[in-house]
C-alpha atoms as a PDB file:
ATOM      1  CA  VAL A   1     151.617  58.680 126.143  1.00  0.00           C
ATOM      2  CA  GLN A   2     151.412  62.225 124.823  1.00  0.00           C
ATOM      3  CA  LEU A   3     148.904  64.916 125.697  1.00  0.00           C
ATOM      4  CA  VAL A   4     148.910  68.284 123.963  1.00  0.00           C
ATOM      5  CA  GLU A   5     146.628  71.053 125.179  1.00  0.00           C
ATOM      6  CA  SER A   6     145.613  74.073 123.127  1.00  0.00           C
ATOM      7  CA  GLY A   7     143.048  76.850 123.055  1.00  0.00           C
ATOM      8  CA  GLY A   8     144.115  78.990 125.977  1.00  0.00           C
ATOM      9  CA  GLY A   9     144.449  82.746 125.811  1.00  0.00           C
ATOM     10  CA  LEU A  10     143.375  86.094 127.192  1.00  0.00           C
ATOM     11  CA  VAL A  11     139.646  86.698 127.519  1.00  0.00           C
ATOM     12  CA  GLN A  12     137.509  89.325 129.204  1.00  0.00           C
ATOM     13  CA  PRO A  13     135.279  88.433 132.170  1.00  0.00           C
ATOM     14  CA  GLY A  14     132.078  86.888 130.921  1.00  0.00           C
ATOM     15  CA  GLY A  15     133.768  85.566 127.828  1.00  0.00           C
ATOM     16  CA  SER A  16     134.237  82.020 126.550  1.00  0.00           C
ATOM     17  CA  LEU A  17     137.061  79.724 125.531  1.00  0.00           C
ATOM     18  CA  THR A  18     137.274  76.123 124.417  1.00  0.00           C
ATOM     19  CA  LEU A  19     140.311  74.086 125.382  1.00  0.00           C
ATOM     20  CA  SER A  20     141.365  70.989 123.491  1.00  0.00           C
ATOM     21  CA  CYS A  21     143.598  68.096 124.471  1.00  0.00           C
ATOM     22  CA  ALA A  22     144.944  65.787 121.797  1.00  0.00           C
ATOM     23  CA  ALA A  23     145.953  62.379 123.149  1.00  0.00           C
ATOM     24  CA  SER A  24     148.100  59.627 121.702  1.00  0.00           C
ATOM     25  CA  GLY A  25     149.978  56.543 122.778  1.00  0.00           C
ATOM     26  CA  PHE A  26     147.166  54.688 124.525  1.00  0.00           C
ATOM     27  CA  THR A  27     143.691  53.302 123.886  1.00  0.00           C
ATOM     28  CA  PHE A  28     141.869  56.555 124.466  1.00  0.00           C
ATOM     29  CA  SER A  29     138.314  55.302 124.883  1.00  0.00           C
ATOM     30  CA  ARG A  30     139.286  52.968 127.719  1.00  0.00           C
ATOM     31  CA  TYR A  31     140.103  55.776 130.102  1.00  0.00           C
ATOM     32  CA  ALA A  32     138.419  58.608 131.887  1.00  0.00           C
ATOM     33  CA  MET A  33     140.023  61.939 131.094  1.00  0.00           C
ATOM     34  CA  THR A  34     140.397  64.876 133.425  1.00  0.00           C
ATOM     35  CA  TRP A  35     141.064  68.593 133.221  1.00  0.00           C
ATOM     36  CA  TYR A  36     142.958  70.196 136.086  1.00  0.00           C
ATOM     37  CA  ARG A  37     144.086  73.755 136.638  1.00  0.00           C
ATOM     38  CA  GLN A  38     146.715  75.488 138.708  1.00  0.00           C
ATOM     39  CA  ALA A  39     146.626  79.154 139.578  1.00  0.00           C
ATOM     40  CA  PRO A  40     149.747  81.023 140.754  1.00  0.00           C
ATOM     41  CA  GLY A  41     150.546  80.149 144.341  1.00  0.00           C
ATOM     42  CA  LYS A  42     147.818  77.531 144.557  1.00  0.00           C
ATOM     43  CA  GLU A  43     147.665  73.762 144.355  1.00  0.00           C
ATOM     44  CA  ARG A  44     146.546  72.006 141.223  1.00  0.00           C
ATOM     45  CA  GLU A  45     142.812  71.298 141.368  1.00  0.00           C
ATOM     46  CA  LEU A  46     140.423  69.071 139.469  1.00  0.00           C
ATOM     47  CA  VAL A  47     138.126  70.994 137.140  1.00  0.00           C
ATOM     48  CA  ALA A  48     136.186  68.314 135.280  1.00  0.00           C
ATOM     49  CA  GLU A  49     136.355  64.645 134.379  1.00  0.00           C
ATOM     50  CA  ILE A  50     134.608  62.477 131.853  1.00  0.00           C
ATOM     51  CA  SER A  51     134.297  58.700 131.623  1.00  0.00           C
ATOM     52  CA  GLY A  52     135.612  56.693 128.710  1.00  0.00           C
ATOM     53  CA  PHE A  53     132.481  56.877 126.601  1.00  0.00           C
ATOM     54  CA  GLY A  54     131.256  60.168 128.000  1.00  0.00           C
ATOM     55  CA  SER A  55     128.306  58.840 129.980  1.00  0.00           C
ATOM     56  CA  ASN A  56     129.531  60.231 133.294  1.00  0.00           C
ATOM     57  CA  ARG A  57     130.843  63.736 133.926  1.00  0.00           C
ATOM     58  CA  ASN A  58     131.853  65.427 137.130  1.00  0.00           C
ATOM     59  CA  TYR A  59     132.719  69.046 137.814  1.00  0.00           C
ATOM     60  CA  ALA A  60     134.248  71.114 140.540  1.00  0.00           C
ATOM     61  CA  ASP A  61     131.602  73.155 142.325  1.00  0.00           C
ATOM     62  CA  SER A  62     133.329  76.339 141.214  1.00  0.00           C
ATOM     63  CA  VAL A  63     132.701  75.617 137.514  1.00  0.00           C
ATOM     64  CA  LYS A  64     129.350  73.793 137.538  1.00  0.00           C
ATOM     65  CA  GLY A  65     126.910  75.346 135.130  1.00  0.00           C
ATOM     66  CA  ARG A  66     129.653  77.281 133.334  1.00  0.00           C
ATOM     67  CA  PHE A  67     132.071  74.629 132.017  1.00  0.00           C
ATOM     68  CA  THR A  68     131.302  71.570 129.907  1.00  0.00           C
ATOM     69  CA  ILE A  69     133.675  68.663 129.341  1.00  0.00           C
ATOM     70  CA  SER A  70     133.290  66.493 126.254  1.00  0.00           C
ATOM     71  CA  ARG A  71     135.302  64.025 124.238  1.00  0.00           C
ATOM     72  CA  ASP A  72     135.571  62.650 120.716  1.00  0.00           C
ATOM     73  CA  ASN A  73     136.973  59.130 120.843  1.00  0.00           C
ATOM     74  CA  ALA A  74     137.302  59.012 117.064  1.00  0.00           C
ATOM     75  CA  LYS A  75     139.728  61.948 117.276  1.00  0.00           C
ATOM     76  CA  ASN A  76     141.362  60.953 120.576  1.00  0.00           C
ATOM     77  CA  ALA A  77     140.500  64.357 121.958  1.00  0.00           C
ATOM     78  CA  VAL A  78     138.918  65.846 125.035  1.00  0.00           C
ATOM     79  CA  TYR A  79     137.536  69.357 125.267  1.00  0.00           C
ATOM     80  CA  LEU A  80     136.621  71.895 127.912  1.00  0.00           C
ATOM     81  CA  GLN A  81     134.062  74.509 126.913  1.00  0.00           C
ATOM     82  CA  MET A  82     134.330  77.416 129.350  1.00  0.00           C
ATOM     83  CA  ASN A  83     131.599  80.043 129.482  1.00  0.00           C
ATOM     84  CA  SER A  84     130.949  83.009 131.760  1.00  0.00           C
ATOM     85  CA  LEU A  85     134.615  83.134 132.631  1.00  0.00           C
ATOM     86  CA  LYS A  86     135.682  84.898 135.807  1.00  0.00           C
ATOM     87  CA  PRO A  87     139.049  86.337 136.852  1.00  0.00           C
ATOM     88  CA  GLU A  88     139.349  83.492 139.367  1.00  0.00           C
ATOM     89  CA  ASP A  89     139.378  81.028 136.470  1.00  0.00           C
ATOM     90  CA  THR A  90     142.827  82.342 135.534  1.00  0.00           C
ATOM     91  CA  ALA A  91     145.218  79.399 135.663  1.00  0.00           C
ATOM     92  CA  VAL A  92     147.249  76.970 133.634  1.00  0.00           C
ATOM     93  CA  TYR A  93     144.912  74.212 132.499  1.00  0.00           C
ATOM     94  CA  TYR A  94     146.212  70.664 132.189  1.00  0.00           C
ATOM     95  CA  CYS A  95     144.920  67.502 130.629  1.00  0.00           C
ATOM     96  CA  TYR A  96     145.479  64.263 132.560  1.00  0.00           C
ATOM     97  CA  ALA A  97     145.346  60.642 131.457  1.00  0.00           C
ATOM     98  CA  PRO A  98     145.652  57.650 133.799  1.00  0.00           C
ATOM     99  CA  PRO A  99     148.091  55.645 131.665  1.00  0.00           C
ATOM    100  CA  GLY A 100     151.451  56.451 133.122  1.00  0.00           C
ATOM    101  CA  ALA A 101     149.860  59.225 135.192  1.00  0.00           C
ATOM    102  CA  SER A 102     150.517  61.497 132.239  1.00  0.00           C
ATOM    103  CA  TRP A 103     150.171  65.258 132.043  1.00  0.00           C
ATOM    104  CA  GLY A 104     150.204  67.653 129.151  1.00  0.00           C
ATOM    105  CA  GLN A 105     152.320  70.795 129.100  1.00  0.00           C
ATOM    106  CA  GLY A 106     149.386  72.992 130.021  1.00  0.00           C
ATOM    107  CA  THR A 107     147.695  75.956 128.366  1.00  0.00           C
ATOM    108  CA  GLN A 108     147.401  79.370 130.006  1.00  0.00           C
ATOM    109  CA  VAL A 109     143.963  80.896 130.488  1.00  0.00           C
ATOM    110  CA  THR A 110     143.872  84.504 131.645  1.00  0.00           C
ATOM    111  CA  VAL A 111     140.593  86.228 132.416  1.00  0.00           C
ATOM    112  CA  SER A 112     141.078  89.947 132.723  1.00  0.00           C
ATOM    113  CA  ALA A 113     139.540  93.206 131.594  1.00  0.00           C
END
């Protein structure tokens, strides 16, 4: 199983970013996919999850209405559209897949003026 995140960067408060996670090594559509994040000095927390065919989505209360998770099973990819970003969204964002309890390497998101 391999997960590769991309799309992080530095953005001003109120700005937007879209994260991508490219997956390989397993039957992608069979599994829910999850985005987590970890800020300095804090525990890793669930941000959003999406079921195998995208019919069910769940979000942390802190990102509801601002973030949207989606997936493209034809491309074996999951995305996280982040709008109205706040400084407290600053963290390393990770993609997670159940097979093998696999994690990507993470992508840094920094929200700062």
